[in-house]
Amino acid sequence: MQQRLEVGHSRYEQIAIDIAQKIVRGEFRVGQKLSGRSLLAGTYNVSPETIRRSIALLQNIGVVEAITGSGIMIKSSKLAKEYLIEFNERQEIINLRNIINDLLNQRRYLDTELEKELSKLLEISFQKSSILQQIEEVVVLPTSWMVGRTIADSNVRSLTGATIVAINRHGEEIFSPAADLLLEGDDILIIVGTTGAKERVKELVFSEPEEK
């Protein structure tokens, strides 16, 4: 009966794994001779060259020995087990790496989509004259007392009534910045609020440094 090979690995390695599993399970015993390469090729429905590579792999790690004119001898169940353990560990690392790559790709996609939608929101906001009058940019100078403090610690909203909707940092937009984001010198605060609120933000940003 032909053996069904799993997809995802080279065929010769799949065959080597299958033989090692049979050795560990006791289907092939130490000292037993396996069928010749041609018969194994028929069993696994592969070429004799593929079987040769499978046997060479197992022989290199001491699981079997190919004896010229005598066949293939099973040498070690212990080494077969170690080979399977090593292979499974290797596969676990590969699987984890693939999962991480998939998650990173998903995150990049979501970040890109979020940035597109936020850009649309800001564009629409700027197109509306009533909203445009409420938006202003305020630069946080390197000497400002706010540098090194979080948005929450600066109390911009509670002290002025304005809201920081984005921060331009070195040419990059940070939309809807988190409350625990540390402010840096030369940050450009994009704020929304009434005329009075905007003026209070300017006064707050340019006020004398507070005692820390």
N, C-alpha and C. Protein backbone atom coordinates (compact mmCIF):
# COMPACT_ATOMS: atom_id res chain seq x y z
N MET A 1 0.85 -1.20 0.00
CA MET A 1 0.00 0.00 0.00
C MET A 1 0.88 1.25 0.00
N GLN A 2 0.57 2.19 -0.86
CA GLN A 2 1.35 3.41 -0.95
C GLN A 2 1.11 4.29 0.27
N GLN A 3 2.20 4.94 0.75
CA GLN A 3 2.10 5.81 1.91
C GLN A 3 1.68 7.21 1.46
N ARG A 4 0.79 7.84 2.26
CA ARG A 4 0.36 9.21 1.97
C ARG A 4 1.33 10.17 2.65
N LEU A 5 1.89 11.09 1.88
CA LEU A 5 2.87 12.02 2.42
C LEU A 5 2.23 13.37 2.70
N GLU A 6 2.60 13.97 3.82
CA GLU A 6 2.03 15.26 4.20
C GLU A 6 2.65 16.37 3.37
N VAL A 7 1.85 17.40 3.14
CA VAL A 7 2.33 18.54 2.37
C VAL A 7 3.06 19.50 3.30
N GLY A 8 4.11 20.18 2.79
CA GLY A 8 4.78 21.20 3.59
C GLY A 8 6.24 20.93 3.83
N HIS A 9 6.71 19.69 3.57
CA HIS A 9 8.12 19.37 3.74
C HIS A 9 8.60 18.70 2.47
N SER A 10 9.94 18.67 2.30
CA SER A 10 10.48 17.96 1.15
C SER A 10 10.09 16.48 1.26
N ARG A 11 9.87 15.84 0.13
CA ARG A 11 9.37 14.47 0.13
C ARG A 11 10.36 13.51 0.79
N TYR A 12 11.64 13.73 0.55
CA TYR A 12 12.60 12.80 1.15
C TYR A 12 12.63 12.94 2.67
N GLU A 13 12.40 14.17 3.19
CA GLU A 13 12.37 14.34 4.64
C GLU A 13 11.09 13.76 5.23
N GLN A 14 9.99 13.87 4.52
CA GLN A 14 8.75 13.25 4.97
C GLN A 14 8.92 11.74 5.13
N ILE A 15 9.60 11.15 4.16
CA ILE A 15 9.81 9.70 4.20
C ILE A 15 10.73 9.34 5.37
N ALA A 16 11.77 10.13 5.58
CA ALA A 16 12.70 9.89 6.69
C ALA A 16 11.95 9.97 8.02
N ILE A 17 11.06 10.95 8.15
CA ILE A 17 10.27 11.10 9.37
C ILE A 17 9.36 9.89 9.56
N ASP A 18 8.73 9.45 8.48
CA ASP A 18 7.82 8.31 8.57
C ASP A 18 8.56 7.05 9.01
N ILE A 19 9.74 6.84 8.45
CA ILE A 19 10.53 5.66 8.83
C ILE A 19 10.95 5.76 10.30
N ALA A 20 11.39 6.97 10.72
CA ALA A 20 11.80 7.17 12.12
C ALA A 20 10.63 6.92 13.07
N GLN A 21 9.44 7.37 12.69
CA GLN A 21 8.25 7.14 13.53
C GLN A 21 7.95 5.65 13.67
N LYS A 22 8.11 4.92 12.59
CA LYS A 22 7.84 3.49 12.63
C LYS A 22 8.89 2.77 13.49
N ILE A 23 10.10 3.27 13.47
CA ILE A 23 11.14 2.69 14.33
C ILE A 23 10.80 2.93 15.79
N VAL A 24 10.40 4.16 16.12
CA VAL A 24 10.06 4.51 17.50
C VAL A 24 8.84 3.72 17.98
N ARG A 25 7.87 3.52 17.10
CA ARG A 25 6.67 2.77 17.46
C ARG A 25 6.92 1.26 17.53
N GLY A 26 8.07 0.82 17.06
CA GLY A 26 8.39 -0.60 17.10
C GLY A 26 7.96 -1.36 15.87
N GLU A 27 7.44 -0.67 14.86
CA GLU A 27 7.07 -1.35 13.63
C GLU A 27 8.32 -1.83 12.88
N PHE A 28 9.38 -1.06 12.99
CA PHE A 28 10.69 -1.48 12.50
C PHE A 28 11.58 -1.66 13.73
N ARG A 29 12.21 -2.80 13.88
CA ARG A 29 13.03 -3.08 15.06
C ARG A 29 14.51 -2.92 14.76
N VAL A 30 15.27 -2.60 15.80
CA VAL A 30 16.72 -2.49 15.65
C VAL A 30 17.28 -3.84 15.19
N GLY A 31 18.11 -3.79 14.18
CA GLY A 31 18.68 -5.00 13.60
C GLY A 31 17.90 -5.52 12.40
N GLN A 32 16.69 -4.99 12.22
CA GLN A 32 15.86 -5.43 11.09
C GLN A 32 16.34 -4.79 9.80
N LYS A 33 16.22 -5.52 8.71
CA LYS A 33 16.56 -5.00 7.40
C LYS A 33 15.28 -4.53 6.70
N LEU A 34 15.38 -3.33 6.12
CA LEU A 34 14.25 -2.79 5.37
C LEU A 34 14.28 -3.29 3.94
N SER A 35 13.20 -3.05 3.22
CA SER A 35 13.16 -3.40 1.81
C SER A 35 14.20 -2.60 1.05
N GLY A 36 14.56 -3.05 -0.11
CA GLY A 36 15.51 -2.31 -0.93
C GLY A 36 14.94 -0.97 -1.35
N ARG A 37 15.79 -0.14 -1.90
CA ARG A 37 15.37 1.21 -2.26
C ARG A 37 14.27 1.19 -3.31
N SER A 38 14.35 0.27 -4.24
CA SER A 38 13.33 0.21 -5.29
C SER A 38 11.96 -0.12 -4.71
N LEU A 39 11.92 -1.08 -3.76
CA LEU A 39 10.65 -1.43 -3.14
C LEU A 39 10.12 -0.28 -2.30
N LEU A 40 11.02 0.39 -1.57
CA LEU A 40 10.60 1.55 -0.77
C LEU A 40 10.09 2.67 -1.67
N ALA A 41 10.74 2.82 -2.83
CA ALA A 41 10.29 3.85 -3.78
C ALA A 41 8.86 3.57 -4.22
N GLY A 42 8.55 2.30 -4.45
CA GLY A 42 7.19 1.93 -4.83
C GLY A 42 6.21 2.12 -3.69
N THR A 43 6.65 1.80 -2.48
CA THR A 43 5.78 1.95 -1.31
C THR A 43 5.38 3.40 -1.10
N TYR A 44 6.35 4.32 -1.27
CA TYR A 44 6.08 5.74 -1.04
C TYR A 44 5.74 6.50 -2.33
N ASN A 45 5.74 5.78 -3.46
CA ASN A 45 5.40 6.39 -4.75
C ASN A 45 6.32 7.55 -5.09
N VAL A 46 7.62 7.33 -4.92
CA VAL A 46 8.63 8.34 -5.24
C VAL A 46 9.73 7.66 -6.04
N SER A 47 10.68 8.45 -6.49
CA SER A 47 11.79 7.90 -7.26
C SER A 47 12.82 7.26 -6.32
N PRO A 48 13.64 6.32 -6.83
CA PRO A 48 14.71 5.74 -6.02
C PRO A 48 15.68 6.79 -5.49
N GLU A 49 15.87 7.88 -6.24
CA GLU A 49 16.77 8.95 -5.79
C GLU A 49 16.23 9.63 -4.53
N THR A 50 14.91 9.79 -4.47
CA THR A 50 14.29 10.39 -3.27
C THR A 50 14.50 9.47 -2.07
N ILE A 51 14.35 8.14 -2.28
CA ILE A 51 14.59 7.18 -1.20
C ILE A 51 16.05 7.22 -0.77
N ARG A 52 16.94 7.34 -1.75
CA ARG A 52 18.37 7.40 -1.42
C ARG A 52 18.67 8.58 -0.50
N ARG A 53 18.05 9.74 -0.77
CA ARG A 53 18.27 10.92 0.06
C ARG A 53 17.66 10.72 1.45
N SER A 54 16.52 10.06 1.52
CA SER A 54 15.90 9.79 2.83
C SER A 54 16.80 8.90 3.68
N ILE A 55 17.30 7.83 3.07
CA ILE A 55 18.15 6.90 3.80
C ILE A 55 19.47 7.57 4.17
N ALA A 56 20.00 8.40 3.26
CA ALA A 56 21.25 9.11 3.56
C ALA A 56 21.08 10.02 4.77
N LEU A 57 19.91 10.69 4.85
CA LEU A 57 19.64 11.57 5.99
C LEU A 57 19.63 10.77 7.29
N LEU A 58 18.92 9.64 7.30
CA LEU A 58 18.84 8.81 8.51
C LEU A 58 20.18 8.17 8.83
N GLN A 59 20.95 7.85 7.80
CA GLN A 59 22.26 7.24 8.03
C GLN A 59 23.23 8.25 8.63
N ASN A 60 23.14 9.50 8.21
CA ASN A 60 24.04 10.54 8.72
C ASN A 60 23.85 10.78 10.22
N ILE A 61 22.65 10.54 10.72
CA ILE A 61 22.41 10.76 12.15
C ILE A 61 22.42 9.43 12.93
N GLY A 62 22.80 8.33 12.25
CA GLY A 62 23.00 7.06 12.94
C GLY A 62 21.75 6.22 13.17
N VAL A 63 20.65 6.56 12.50
CA VAL A 63 19.42 5.80 12.70
C VAL A 63 19.44 4.50 11.92
N VAL A 64 19.95 4.54 10.69
CA VAL A 64 20.04 3.34 9.86
C VAL A 64 21.44 3.25 9.25
N GLU A 65 21.70 2.11 8.62
CA GLU A 65 22.96 1.94 7.89
C GLU A 65 22.65 1.23 6.58
N ALA A 66 23.07 1.87 5.48
CA ALA A 66 22.87 1.25 4.17
C ALA A 66 24.09 0.39 3.86
N ILE A 67 23.89 -0.91 3.81
CA ILE A 67 24.98 -1.85 3.57
C ILE A 67 24.91 -2.31 2.12
N THR A 68 25.97 -2.04 1.41
CA THR A 68 26.02 -2.39 -0.01
C THR A 68 25.80 -3.89 -0.20
N GLY A 69 24.84 -4.19 -1.05
CA GLY A 69 24.54 -5.58 -1.37
C GLY A 69 23.76 -6.31 -0.30
N SER A 70 23.47 -5.62 0.81
CA SER A 70 22.77 -6.30 1.89
C SER A 70 21.46 -5.60 2.26
N GLY A 71 21.33 -4.33 1.93
CA GLY A 71 20.09 -3.63 2.24
C GLY A 71 20.27 -2.54 3.29
N ILE A 72 19.19 -2.17 3.91
CA ILE A 72 19.18 -1.07 4.88
C ILE A 72 18.89 -1.65 6.26
N MET A 73 19.82 -1.43 7.19
CA MET A 73 19.73 -1.99 8.53
C MET A 73 19.30 -0.92 9.53
N ILE A 74 18.31 -1.25 10.38
CA ILE A 74 17.92 -0.35 11.46
C ILE A 74 18.96 -0.44 12.57
N LYS A 75 19.52 0.72 12.98
CA LYS A 75 20.60 0.72 13.96
C LYS A 75 20.19 1.25 15.33
N SER A 76 19.35 2.30 15.40
CA SER A 76 19.10 2.93 16.70
C SER A 76 17.70 3.51 16.80
N SER A 77 16.93 3.00 17.76
CA SER A 77 15.61 3.57 18.04
C SER A 77 15.76 4.88 18.81
N LYS A 78 16.80 4.94 19.67
CA LYS A 78 17.04 6.14 20.48
C LYS A 78 17.34 7.35 19.59
N LEU A 79 18.20 7.16 18.59
CA LEU A 79 18.54 8.27 17.70
C LEU A 79 17.35 8.65 16.81
N ALA A 80 16.52 7.65 16.48
CA ALA A 80 15.31 7.96 15.72
C ALA A 80 14.39 8.86 16.53
N LYS A 81 14.26 8.56 17.83
CA LYS A 81 13.42 9.37 18.71
C LYS A 81 13.98 10.79 18.84
N GLU A 82 15.30 10.90 18.99
CA GLU A 82 15.94 12.21 19.11
C GLU A 82 15.74 13.03 17.83
N TYR A 83 15.81 12.34 16.70
CA TYR A 83 15.58 13.03 15.42
C TYR A 83 14.16 13.59 15.33
N LEU A 84 13.19 12.80 15.77
CA LEU A 84 11.80 13.27 15.74
C LEU A 84 11.58 14.44 16.69
N ILE A 85 12.21 14.39 17.86
CA ILE A 85 12.09 15.48 18.83
C ILE A 85 12.68 16.77 18.24
N GLU A 86 13.87 16.63 17.65
CA GLU A 86 14.53 17.80 17.06
C GLU A 86 13.70 18.36 15.91
N PHE A 87 13.12 17.47 15.10
CA PHE A 87 12.30 17.91 13.98
C PHE A 87 11.06 18.65 14.48
N ASN A 88 10.39 18.12 15.50
CA ASN A 88 9.20 18.76 16.05
C ASN A 88 9.51 20.13 16.64
N GLU A 89 10.66 20.24 17.32
CA GLU A 89 11.06 21.53 17.88
C GLU A 89 11.32 22.54 16.77
N ARG A 90 11.96 22.06 15.71
CA ARG A 90 12.23 22.93 14.57
C ARG A 90 10.92 23.39 13.93
N GLN A 91 9.97 22.47 13.82
CA GLN A 91 8.69 22.83 13.23
C GLN A 91 7.92 23.83 14.10
N GLU A 92 8.04 23.66 15.42
CA GLU A 92 7.36 24.59 16.33
C GLU A 92 7.90 26.00 16.15
N ILE A 93 9.22 26.12 16.00
CA ILE A 93 9.84 27.43 15.79
C ILE A 93 9.36 28.03 14.47
N ILE A 94 9.32 27.21 13.42
CA ILE A 94 8.87 27.68 12.11
C ILE A 94 7.41 28.13 12.17
N ASN A 95 6.57 27.32 12.86
CA ASN A 95 5.16 27.66 12.97
C ASN A 95 4.96 28.98 13.73
N LEU A 96 5.71 29.15 14.83
CA LEU A 96 5.61 30.38 15.59
C LEU A 96 6.07 31.58 14.77
N ARG A 97 7.14 31.38 14.02
CA ARG A 97 7.63 32.46 13.16
C ARG A 97 6.58 32.84 12.12
N ASN A 98 5.91 31.85 11.54
CA ASN A 98 4.88 32.13 10.55
C ASN A 98 3.68 32.86 11.17
N ILE A 99 3.31 32.43 12.40
CA ILE A 99 2.20 33.10 13.09
C ILE A 99 2.55 34.56 13.36
N ILE A 100 3.78 34.79 13.83
CA ILE A 100 4.22 36.16 14.13
C ILE A 100 4.24 37.01 12.86
N ASN A 101 4.74 36.43 11.76
CA ASN A 101 4.77 37.17 10.49
C ASN A 101 3.36 37.52 10.03
N ASP A 102 2.42 36.57 10.19
CA ASP A 102 1.03 36.83 9.81
C ASP A 102 0.43 37.95 10.65
N LEU A 103 0.70 37.91 11.96
CA LEU A 103 0.17 38.94 12.86
C LEU A 103 0.76 40.32 12.54
N LEU A 104 2.07 40.33 12.24
CA LEU A 104 2.71 41.60 11.88
C LEU A 104 2.14 42.16 10.59
N ASN A 105 1.87 41.28 9.62
CA ASN A 105 1.27 41.74 8.37
C ASN A 105 -0.13 42.29 8.61
N GLN A 106 -0.89 41.61 9.49
CA GLN A 106 -2.23 42.09 9.82
C GLN A 106 -2.17 43.45 10.50
N ARG A 107 -1.19 43.59 11.42
CA ARG A 107 -1.07 44.87 12.12
C ARG A 107 -0.68 46.00 11.16
N ARG A 108 0.25 45.71 10.23
CA ARG A 108 0.62 46.72 9.26
C ARG A 108 -0.57 47.13 8.40
N TYR A 109 -1.37 46.13 8.03
CA TYR A 109 -2.55 46.42 7.22
C TYR A 109 -3.53 47.30 8.00
N LEU A 110 -3.77 46.93 9.27
CA LEU A 110 -4.72 47.70 10.08
C LEU A 110 -4.20 49.12 10.33
N ASP A 111 -2.88 49.24 10.57
CA ASP A 111 -2.29 50.57 10.77
C ASP A 111 -2.48 51.43 9.53
N THR A 112 -2.27 50.81 8.37
CA THR A 112 -2.42 51.54 7.11
C THR A 112 -3.86 51.99 6.90
N GLU A 113 -4.81 51.07 7.16
CA GLU A 113 -6.22 51.41 7.00
C GLU A 113 -6.67 52.48 7.99
N LEU A 114 -6.16 52.37 9.24
CA LEU A 114 -6.52 53.36 10.25
C LEU A 114 -6.00 54.74 9.86
N GLU A 115 -4.77 54.77 9.35
CA GLU A 115 -4.19 56.05 8.95
C GLU A 115 -4.98 56.66 7.78
N LYS A 116 -5.43 55.82 6.85
CA LYS A 116 -6.23 56.31 5.73
C LYS A 116 -7.52 56.95 6.22
N GLU A 117 -8.21 56.24 7.13
CA GLU A 117 -9.49 56.74 7.62
C GLU A 117 -9.34 58.01 8.44
N LEU A 118 -8.27 58.05 9.26
CA LEU A 118 -8.03 59.26 10.05
C LEU A 118 -7.67 60.44 9.15
N SER A 119 -6.93 60.15 8.10
CA SER A 119 -6.59 61.21 7.15
C SER A 119 -7.84 61.75 6.48
N LYS A 120 -8.77 60.84 6.14
CA LYS A 120 -10.04 61.26 5.55
C LYS A 120 -10.81 62.16 6.53
N LEU A 121 -10.80 61.75 7.80
CA LEU A 121 -11.52 62.51 8.81
C LEU A 121 -10.96 63.92 8.94
N LEU A 122 -9.63 64.01 8.98
CA LEU A 122 -9.01 65.34 9.09
C LEU A 122 -9.25 66.17 7.85
N GLU A 123 -9.20 65.51 6.69
CA GLU A 123 -9.43 66.24 5.43
C GLU A 123 -10.83 66.81 5.39
N ILE A 124 -11.80 65.99 5.80
CA ILE A 124 -13.19 66.47 5.83
C ILE A 124 -13.33 67.61 6.83
N SER A 125 -12.64 67.46 7.96
CA SER A 125 -12.71 68.50 8.99
C SER A 125 -12.16 69.82 8.49
N PHE A 126 -11.05 69.76 7.78
CA PHE A 126 -10.45 70.99 7.27
C PHE A 126 -11.30 71.63 6.17
N GLN A 127 -12.09 70.81 5.48
CA GLN A 127 -12.93 71.34 4.41
C GLN A 127 -14.15 72.07 4.94
N LYS A 128 -14.50 71.78 6.16
CA LYS A 128 -15.65 72.44 6.79
C LYS A 128 -15.19 73.73 7.46
N SER A 129 -15.66 74.84 7.00
CA SER A 129 -15.19 76.13 7.53
C SER A 129 -15.45 76.26 9.02
N SER A 130 -16.60 75.74 9.46
CA SER A 130 -16.93 75.88 10.87
C SER A 130 -15.96 75.09 11.74
N ILE A 131 -15.51 73.92 11.22
CA ILE A 131 -14.54 73.11 11.95
C ILE A 131 -13.16 73.68 11.80
N LEU A 132 -12.87 74.20 10.58
CA LEU A 132 -11.55 74.75 10.31
C LEU A 132 -11.20 75.86 11.28
N GLN A 133 -12.21 76.67 11.64
CA GLN A 133 -11.95 77.76 12.56
C GLN A 133 -11.61 77.26 13.96
N GLN A 134 -11.94 76.01 14.24
CA GLN A 134 -11.71 75.48 15.59
C GLN A 134 -10.38 74.74 15.70
N ILE A 135 -9.71 74.49 14.56
CA ILE A 135 -8.47 73.72 14.58
C ILE A 135 -7.27 74.65 14.51
N GLU A 136 -6.27 74.36 15.32
CA GLU A 136 -5.06 75.16 15.30
C GLU A 136 -3.87 74.32 15.69
N GLU A 137 -2.70 74.77 15.26
CA GLU A 137 -1.45 74.08 15.59
C GLU A 137 -0.67 74.92 16.59
N VAL A 138 -0.16 74.23 17.62
CA VAL A 138 0.64 74.91 18.64
C VAL A 138 1.93 74.13 18.81
N VAL A 139 3.06 74.82 18.71
CA VAL A 139 4.37 74.17 18.83
C VAL A 139 4.80 74.12 20.28
N VAL A 140 5.22 72.93 20.72
CA VAL A 140 5.78 72.76 22.07
C VAL A 140 7.28 73.00 21.97
N LEU A 141 7.72 74.16 22.45
CA LEU A 141 9.15 74.47 22.37
C LEU A 141 9.96 73.54 23.28
N PRO A 142 11.23 73.31 22.92
CA PRO A 142 12.08 72.44 23.77
C PRO A 142 12.19 72.92 25.21
N THR A 143 11.96 74.23 25.42
CA THR A 143 12.06 74.80 26.77
C THR A 143 10.75 74.74 27.54
N SER A 144 9.69 74.26 26.89
CA SER A 144 8.38 74.23 27.54
C SER A 144 8.37 73.26 28.71
N TRP A 145 7.64 73.62 29.74
CA TRP A 145 7.51 72.75 30.92
C TRP A 145 6.80 71.44 30.60
N MET A 146 6.12 71.40 29.45
CA MET A 146 5.36 70.21 29.08
C MET A 146 6.25 69.09 28.52
N VAL A 147 7.46 69.44 28.10
CA VAL A 147 8.37 68.44 27.53
C VAL A 147 8.71 67.39 28.59
N GLY A 148 8.56 66.12 28.22
CA GLY A 148 8.85 65.03 29.15
C GLY A 148 7.66 64.62 29.99
N ARG A 149 6.55 65.32 29.83
CA ARG A 149 5.33 64.96 30.54
C ARG A 149 4.35 64.30 29.59
N THR A 150 3.46 63.50 30.14
CA THR A 150 2.45 62.86 29.31
C THR A 150 1.33 63.85 29.03
N ILE A 151 0.52 63.52 28.03
CA ILE A 151 -0.64 64.36 27.72
C ILE A 151 -1.56 64.45 28.93
N ALA A 152 -1.71 63.31 29.62
CA ALA A 152 -2.57 63.30 30.81
C ALA A 152 -2.02 64.23 31.89
N ASP A 153 -0.69 64.19 32.11
CA ASP A 153 -0.08 65.02 33.14
C ASP A 153 -0.18 66.51 32.81
N SER A 154 -0.21 66.84 31.52
CA SER A 154 -0.27 68.26 31.15
C SER A 154 -1.65 68.87 31.36
N ASN A 155 -2.67 68.00 31.48
CA ASN A 155 -4.03 68.47 31.78
C ASN A 155 -4.55 69.50 30.77
N VAL A 156 -4.19 69.33 29.50
CA VAL A 156 -4.59 70.30 28.48
C VAL A 156 -6.11 70.44 28.41
N ARG A 157 -6.79 69.32 28.38
CA ARG A 157 -8.25 69.38 28.19
C ARG A 157 -8.94 70.01 29.39
N SER A 158 -8.54 69.57 30.60
CA SER A 158 -9.22 70.08 31.79
C SER A 158 -8.89 71.55 32.05
N LEU A 159 -7.67 71.98 31.68
CA LEU A 159 -7.26 73.36 31.95
C LEU A 159 -7.70 74.34 30.87
N THR A 160 -7.91 73.85 29.65
CA THR A 160 -8.21 74.77 28.55
C THR A 160 -9.54 74.49 27.86
N GLY A 161 -10.05 73.26 27.95
CA GLY A 161 -11.26 72.90 27.23
C GLY A 161 -11.01 72.48 25.81
N ALA A 162 -9.75 72.50 25.37
CA ALA A 162 -9.39 72.07 24.02
C ALA A 162 -8.98 70.60 24.02
N THR A 163 -9.01 69.99 22.86
CA THR A 163 -8.65 68.58 22.71
C THR A 163 -7.51 68.43 21.71
N ILE A 164 -6.50 67.64 22.10
CA ILE A 164 -5.41 67.34 21.18
C ILE A 164 -5.86 66.17 20.30
N VAL A 165 -6.10 66.43 19.01
CA VAL A 165 -6.57 65.38 18.11
C VAL A 165 -5.43 64.69 17.39
N ALA A 166 -4.28 65.36 17.31
CA ALA A 166 -3.12 64.75 16.64
C ALA A 166 -1.87 65.49 17.05
N ILE A 167 -0.73 64.85 16.84
CA ILE A 167 0.57 65.47 17.09
C ILE A 167 1.45 65.24 15.87
N ASN A 168 2.02 66.31 15.37
CA ASN A 168 2.99 66.20 14.27
C ASN A 168 4.37 66.16 14.91
N ARG A 169 5.04 65.00 14.77
CA ARG A 169 6.36 64.83 15.38
C ARG A 169 7.37 64.49 14.29
N HIS A 170 8.27 65.41 14.02
CA HIS A 170 9.31 65.22 12.99
C HIS A 170 8.69 64.84 11.65
N GLY A 171 7.55 65.46 11.33
CA GLY A 171 6.93 65.22 10.03
C GLY A 171 5.97 64.06 9.99
N GLU A 172 5.84 63.32 11.08
CA GLU A 172 4.93 62.19 11.11
C GLU A 172 3.74 62.51 12.01
N GLU A 173 2.55 62.13 11.53
CA GLU A 173 1.33 62.42 12.27
C GLU A 173 1.01 61.29 13.26
N ILE A 174 0.77 61.65 14.50
CA ILE A 174 0.29 60.70 15.50
C ILE A 174 -1.17 61.06 15.78
N PHE A 175 -2.08 60.28 15.23
CA PHE A 175 -3.49 60.59 15.36
C PHE A 175 -4.05 60.02 16.67
N SER A 176 -4.97 60.76 17.26
CA SER A 176 -5.60 60.36 18.53
C SER A 176 -4.55 59.88 19.51
N PRO A 177 -3.58 60.71 19.87
CA PRO A 177 -2.49 60.27 20.74
C PRO A 177 -3.00 59.78 22.09
N ALA A 178 -2.34 58.73 22.60
CA ALA A 178 -2.73 58.15 23.89
C ALA A 178 -2.42 59.12 25.02
N ALA A 179 -3.16 58.98 26.11
CA ALA A 179 -2.99 59.89 27.25
C ALA A 179 -1.62 59.74 27.90
N ASP A 180 -0.99 58.54 27.74
CA ASP A 180 0.33 58.33 28.37
C ASP A 180 1.49 58.65 27.43
N LEU A 181 1.19 59.27 26.28
CA LEU A 181 2.26 59.65 25.34
C LEU A 181 3.06 60.80 25.91
N LEU A 182 4.39 60.65 25.95
CA LEU A 182 5.27 61.71 26.44
C LEU A 182 5.44 62.78 25.37
N LEU A 183 5.29 64.03 25.74
CA LEU A 183 5.48 65.13 24.82
C LEU A 183 6.96 65.43 24.64
N GLU A 184 7.33 65.83 23.45
CA GLU A 184 8.72 66.12 23.12
C GLU A 184 8.84 67.54 22.60
N GLY A 185 10.05 68.09 22.71
CA GLY A 185 10.29 69.41 22.17
C GLY A 185 10.07 69.43 20.67
N ASP A 186 9.49 70.53 20.16
CA ASP A 186 9.18 70.72 18.74
C ASP A 186 7.98 69.90 18.28
N ASP A 187 7.28 69.21 19.22
CA ASP A 187 6.01 68.59 18.86
C ASP A 187 5.03 69.68 18.42
N ILE A 188 4.26 69.40 17.37
CA ILE A 188 3.22 70.34 16.93
C ILE A 188 1.88 69.75 17.36
N LEU A 189 1.23 70.40 18.30
CA LEU A 189 -0.07 69.94 18.78
C LEU A 189 -1.17 70.44 17.85
N ILE A 190 -1.96 69.51 17.34
CA ILE A 190 -3.11 69.89 16.52
C ILE A 190 -4.32 69.80 17.43
N ILE A 191 -4.89 70.97 17.75
CA ILE A 191 -5.93 71.03 18.78
C ILE A 191 -7.25 71.49 18.17
N VAL A 192 -8.34 71.09 18.82
CA VAL A 192 -9.69 71.50 18.44
C VAL A 192 -10.34 72.12 19.65
N GLY A 193 -10.94 73.26 19.45
CA GLY A 193 -11.61 73.93 20.56
C GLY A 193 -12.11 75.30 20.15
N THR A 194 -12.74 75.96 21.05
CA THR A 194 -13.21 77.32 20.79
C THR A 194 -12.02 78.26 20.72
N THR A 195 -12.30 79.50 20.28
CA THR A 195 -11.23 80.50 20.20
C THR A 195 -10.58 80.71 21.57
N GLY A 196 -11.41 80.78 22.59
CA GLY A 196 -10.88 80.96 23.94
C GLY A 196 -10.05 79.77 24.37
N ALA A 197 -10.51 78.57 24.02
CA ALA A 197 -9.77 77.36 24.40
C ALA A 197 -8.41 77.33 23.73
N LYS A 198 -8.37 77.72 22.46
CA LYS A 198 -7.10 77.73 21.74
C LYS A 198 -6.11 78.71 22.37
N GLU A 199 -6.61 79.87 22.76
CA GLU A 199 -5.74 80.86 23.40
C GLU A 199 -5.22 80.34 24.73
N ARG A 200 -6.08 79.63 25.46
CA ARG A 200 -5.64 79.07 26.75
C ARG A 200 -4.56 78.01 26.55
N VAL A 201 -4.66 77.23 25.45
CA VAL A 201 -3.62 76.24 25.16
C VAL A 201 -2.29 76.93 24.92
N LYS A 202 -2.30 78.02 24.15
CA LYS A 202 -1.07 78.76 23.88
C LYS A 202 -0.47 79.29 25.18
N GLU A 203 -1.31 79.82 26.01
CA GLU A 203 -0.82 80.33 27.30
C GLU A 203 -0.23 79.21 28.14
N LEU A 204 -0.89 78.05 28.10
CA LEU A 204 -0.42 76.91 28.89
C LEU A 204 0.93 76.41 28.38
N VAL A 205 1.05 76.29 27.06
CA VAL A 205 2.29 75.78 26.48
C VAL A 205 3.45 76.72 26.71
N PHE A 206 3.19 78.03 26.59
CA PHE A 206 4.28 79.00 26.70
C PHE A 206 4.45 79.58 28.09
N SER A 207 3.73 79.01 29.08
CA SER A 207 3.86 79.49 30.46
C SER A 207 5.22 79.09 31.02
N GLU A 208 5.58 79.69 32.16
CA GLU A 208 6.87 79.40 32.78
C GLU A 208 6.92 77.94 33.22
N PRO A 209 8.09 77.31 33.17
CA PRO A 209 8.20 75.90 33.62
C PRO A 209 7.74 75.74 35.04
N GLU A 210 7.00 74.68 35.28
CA GLU A 210 6.53 74.38 36.63
C GLU A 210 7.63 73.70 37.43
N GLU A 211 7.55 73.82 38.72
CA GLU A 211 8.49 73.13 39.60
C GLU A 211 8.21 71.65 39.54
N LYS A 212 9.26 70.82 39.34
CA LYS A 212 9.08 69.37 39.27
C LYS A 212 9.58 68.75 40.57
